Amino acid sequence: MIEFDKTDIQLINDVWAFLSTCGDSYLVDDALSIESKNQLKGWLLYESEGHSDRYFHDLDLLEQAVYVKKGVAKYE
């Protein structure tokens, strides 16, 4: 389970807003299976871009790493 800090409020709000509007129960399960804040940041960035062909966990490791890096840059 991810432990959040007070400084993670923007990330938490963005995840909540995305999951509230996405309408895909798989994405909720997907978000709950993530084990680190950095991976959550990459997941949120990827899924919020609206890729309908693949989920974040279907990406290969390099593709995931690119989104994690972009997500960390956005939320730090």
C-alpha atoms as a PDB file:
ATOM      1  CA  MET A   1       0.000   0.000   0.000  1.00  0.00           C
ATOM      2  CA  ILE A   2       1.278   3.435  -0.894  1.00  0.00           C
ATOM      3  CA  GLU A   3       1.826   5.865   1.962  1.00  0.00           C
ATOM      4  CA  PHE A   4       1.107   9.437   0.936  1.00  0.00           C
ATOM      5  CA  ASP A   5       2.519  12.635   2.420  1.00  0.00           C
ATOM      6  CA  LYS A   6       0.829  16.014   2.838  1.00  0.00           C
ATOM      7  CA  THR A   7       2.722  17.194  -0.228  1.00  0.00           C
ATOM      8  CA  ASP A   8       1.022  14.571  -2.430  1.00  0.00           C
ATOM      9  CA  ILE A   9      -2.364  16.327  -2.384  1.00  0.00           C
ATOM     10  CA  GLN A  10      -2.232  17.301  -6.086  1.00  0.00           C
ATOM     11  CA  LEU A  11      -1.490  13.710  -7.093  1.00  0.00           C
ATOM     12  CA  ILE A  12      -4.278  12.362  -4.894  1.00  0.00           C
ATOM     13  CA  ASN A  13      -6.761  14.902  -6.251  1.00  0.00           C
ATOM     14  CA  ASP A  14      -5.807  14.135  -9.849  1.00  0.00           C
ATOM     15  CA  VAL A  15      -6.090  10.366  -9.326  1.00  0.00           C
ATOM     16  CA  TRP A  16      -9.467  10.794  -7.640  1.00  0.00           C
ATOM     17  CA  ALA A  17     -10.741  13.096 -10.402  1.00  0.00           C
ATOM     18  CA  PHE A  18      -9.576  10.699 -13.115  1.00  0.00           C
ATOM     19  CA  LEU A  19     -11.075   7.607 -11.495  1.00  0.00           C
ATOM     20  CA  SER A  20     -14.345   9.444 -10.808  1.00  0.00           C
ATOM     21  CA  THR A  21     -14.850  10.184 -14.485  1.00  0.00           C
ATOM     22  CA  CYS A  22     -13.194   7.266 -16.288  1.00  0.00           C
ATOM     23  CA  GLY A  23     -16.077   4.778 -16.098  1.00  0.00           C
ATOM     24  CA  ASP A  24     -13.741   1.769 -16.417  1.00  0.00           C
ATOM     25  CA  SER A  25     -13.694  -0.515 -13.379  1.00  0.00           C
ATOM     26  CA  TYR A  26     -10.497  -2.163 -14.612  1.00  0.00           C
ATOM     27  CA  LEU A  27      -8.673   1.148 -14.185  1.00  0.00           C
ATOM     28  CA  VAL A  28      -9.751   1.301 -10.533  1.00  0.00           C
ATOM     29  CA  ASP A  29      -8.335  -2.196  -9.961  1.00  0.00           C
ATOM     30  CA  ASP A  30      -5.252  -1.204 -11.940  1.00  0.00           C
ATOM     31  CA  ALA A  31      -4.691   1.895  -9.789  1.00  0.00           C
ATOM     32  CA  LEU A  32      -5.115  -0.069  -6.567  1.00  0.00           C
ATOM     33  CA  SER A  33      -2.504  -2.623  -7.650  1.00  0.00           C
ATOM     34  CA  ILE A  34       0.247  -0.017  -8.019  1.00  0.00           C
ATOM     35  CA  GLU A  35       2.877  -0.222  -5.299  1.00  0.00           C
ATOM     36  CA  SER A  36       4.808   3.056  -5.531  1.00  0.00           C
ATOM     37  CA  LYS A  37       4.012   6.742  -5.871  1.00  0.00           C
ATOM     38  CA  ASN A  38       6.335   7.106  -8.841  1.00  0.00           C
ATOM     39  CA  GLN A  39       4.604   4.310 -10.715  1.00  0.00           C
ATOM     40  CA  LEU A  40       1.227   5.855  -9.825  1.00  0.00           C
ATOM     41  CA  LYS A  41       2.386   9.153 -11.307  1.00  0.00           C
ATOM     42  CA  GLY A  42       3.355   7.444 -14.560  1.00  0.00           C
ATOM     43  CA  TRP A  43       0.141   5.424 -14.616  1.00  0.00           C
ATOM     44  CA  LEU A  44      -1.995   8.527 -14.152  1.00  0.00           C
ATOM     45  CA  LEU A  45      -0.166  10.435 -16.864  1.00  0.00           C
ATOM     46  CA  TYR A  46      -0.517   7.570 -19.348  1.00  0.00           C
ATOM     47  CA  GLU A  47      -4.153   6.749 -18.610  1.00  0.00           C
ATOM     48  CA  SER A  48      -5.251  10.391 -18.548  1.00  0.00           C
ATOM     49  CA  GLU A  49      -3.914  10.797 -22.092  1.00  0.00           C
ATOM     50  CA  GLY A  50      -6.773   8.530 -23.198  1.00  0.00           C
ATOM     51  CA  HIS A  51      -4.979   5.598 -24.786  1.00  0.00           C
ATOM     52  CA  SER A  52      -7.805   3.234 -25.709  1.00  0.00           C
ATOM     53  CA  ASP A  53      -5.635   0.533 -27.296  1.00  0.00           C
ATOM     54  CA  ARG A  54      -3.616  -0.561 -24.210  1.00  0.00           C
ATOM     55  CA  TYR A  55      -3.598  -0.158 -20.464  1.00  0.00           C
ATOM     56  CA  PHE A  56      -0.482   1.014 -18.612  1.00  0.00           C
ATOM     57  CA  HIS A  57       0.304  -2.490 -17.359  1.00  0.00           C
ATOM     58  CA  ASP A  58       0.221  -3.769 -20.964  1.00  0.00           C
ATOM     59  CA  LEU A  59       3.143  -1.513 -21.904  1.00  0.00           C
ATOM     60  CA  ASP A  60       6.634  -2.956 -21.956  1.00  0.00           C
ATOM     61  CA  LEU A  61       9.047  -1.961 -19.204  1.00  0.00           C
ATOM     62  CA  LEU A  62      10.756   0.763 -21.241  1.00  0.00           C
ATOM     63  CA  GLU A  63       7.472   2.422 -22.195  1.00  0.00           C
ATOM     64  CA  GLN A  64       6.346   2.349 -18.561  1.00  0.00           C
ATOM     65  CA  ALA A  65       9.657   3.874 -17.469  1.00  0.00           C
ATOM     66  CA  VAL A  66       9.213   6.775 -19.890  1.00  0.00           C
ATOM     67  CA  TYR A  67       5.792   7.568 -18.415  1.00  0.00           C
ATOM     68  CA  VAL A  68       7.036   7.159 -14.857  1.00  0.00           C
ATOM     69  CA  LYS A  69       9.822   9.653 -15.582  1.00  0.00           C
ATOM     70  CA  LYS A  70       7.352  12.137 -17.110  1.00  0.00           C
ATOM     71  CA  GLY A  71       4.916  11.628 -14.221  1.00  0.00           C
ATOM     72  CA  VAL A  72       7.607  12.211 -11.602  1.00  0.00           C
ATOM     73  CA  ALA A  73       8.636  15.409 -13.374  1.00  0.00           C
ATOM     74  CA  LYS A  74       5.031  16.607 -13.452  1.00  0.00           C
ATOM     75  CA  TYR A  75       4.218  15.917  -9.801  1.00  0.00           C
ATOM     76  CA  GLU A  76       7.503  16.930  -8.142  1.00  0.00           C
END
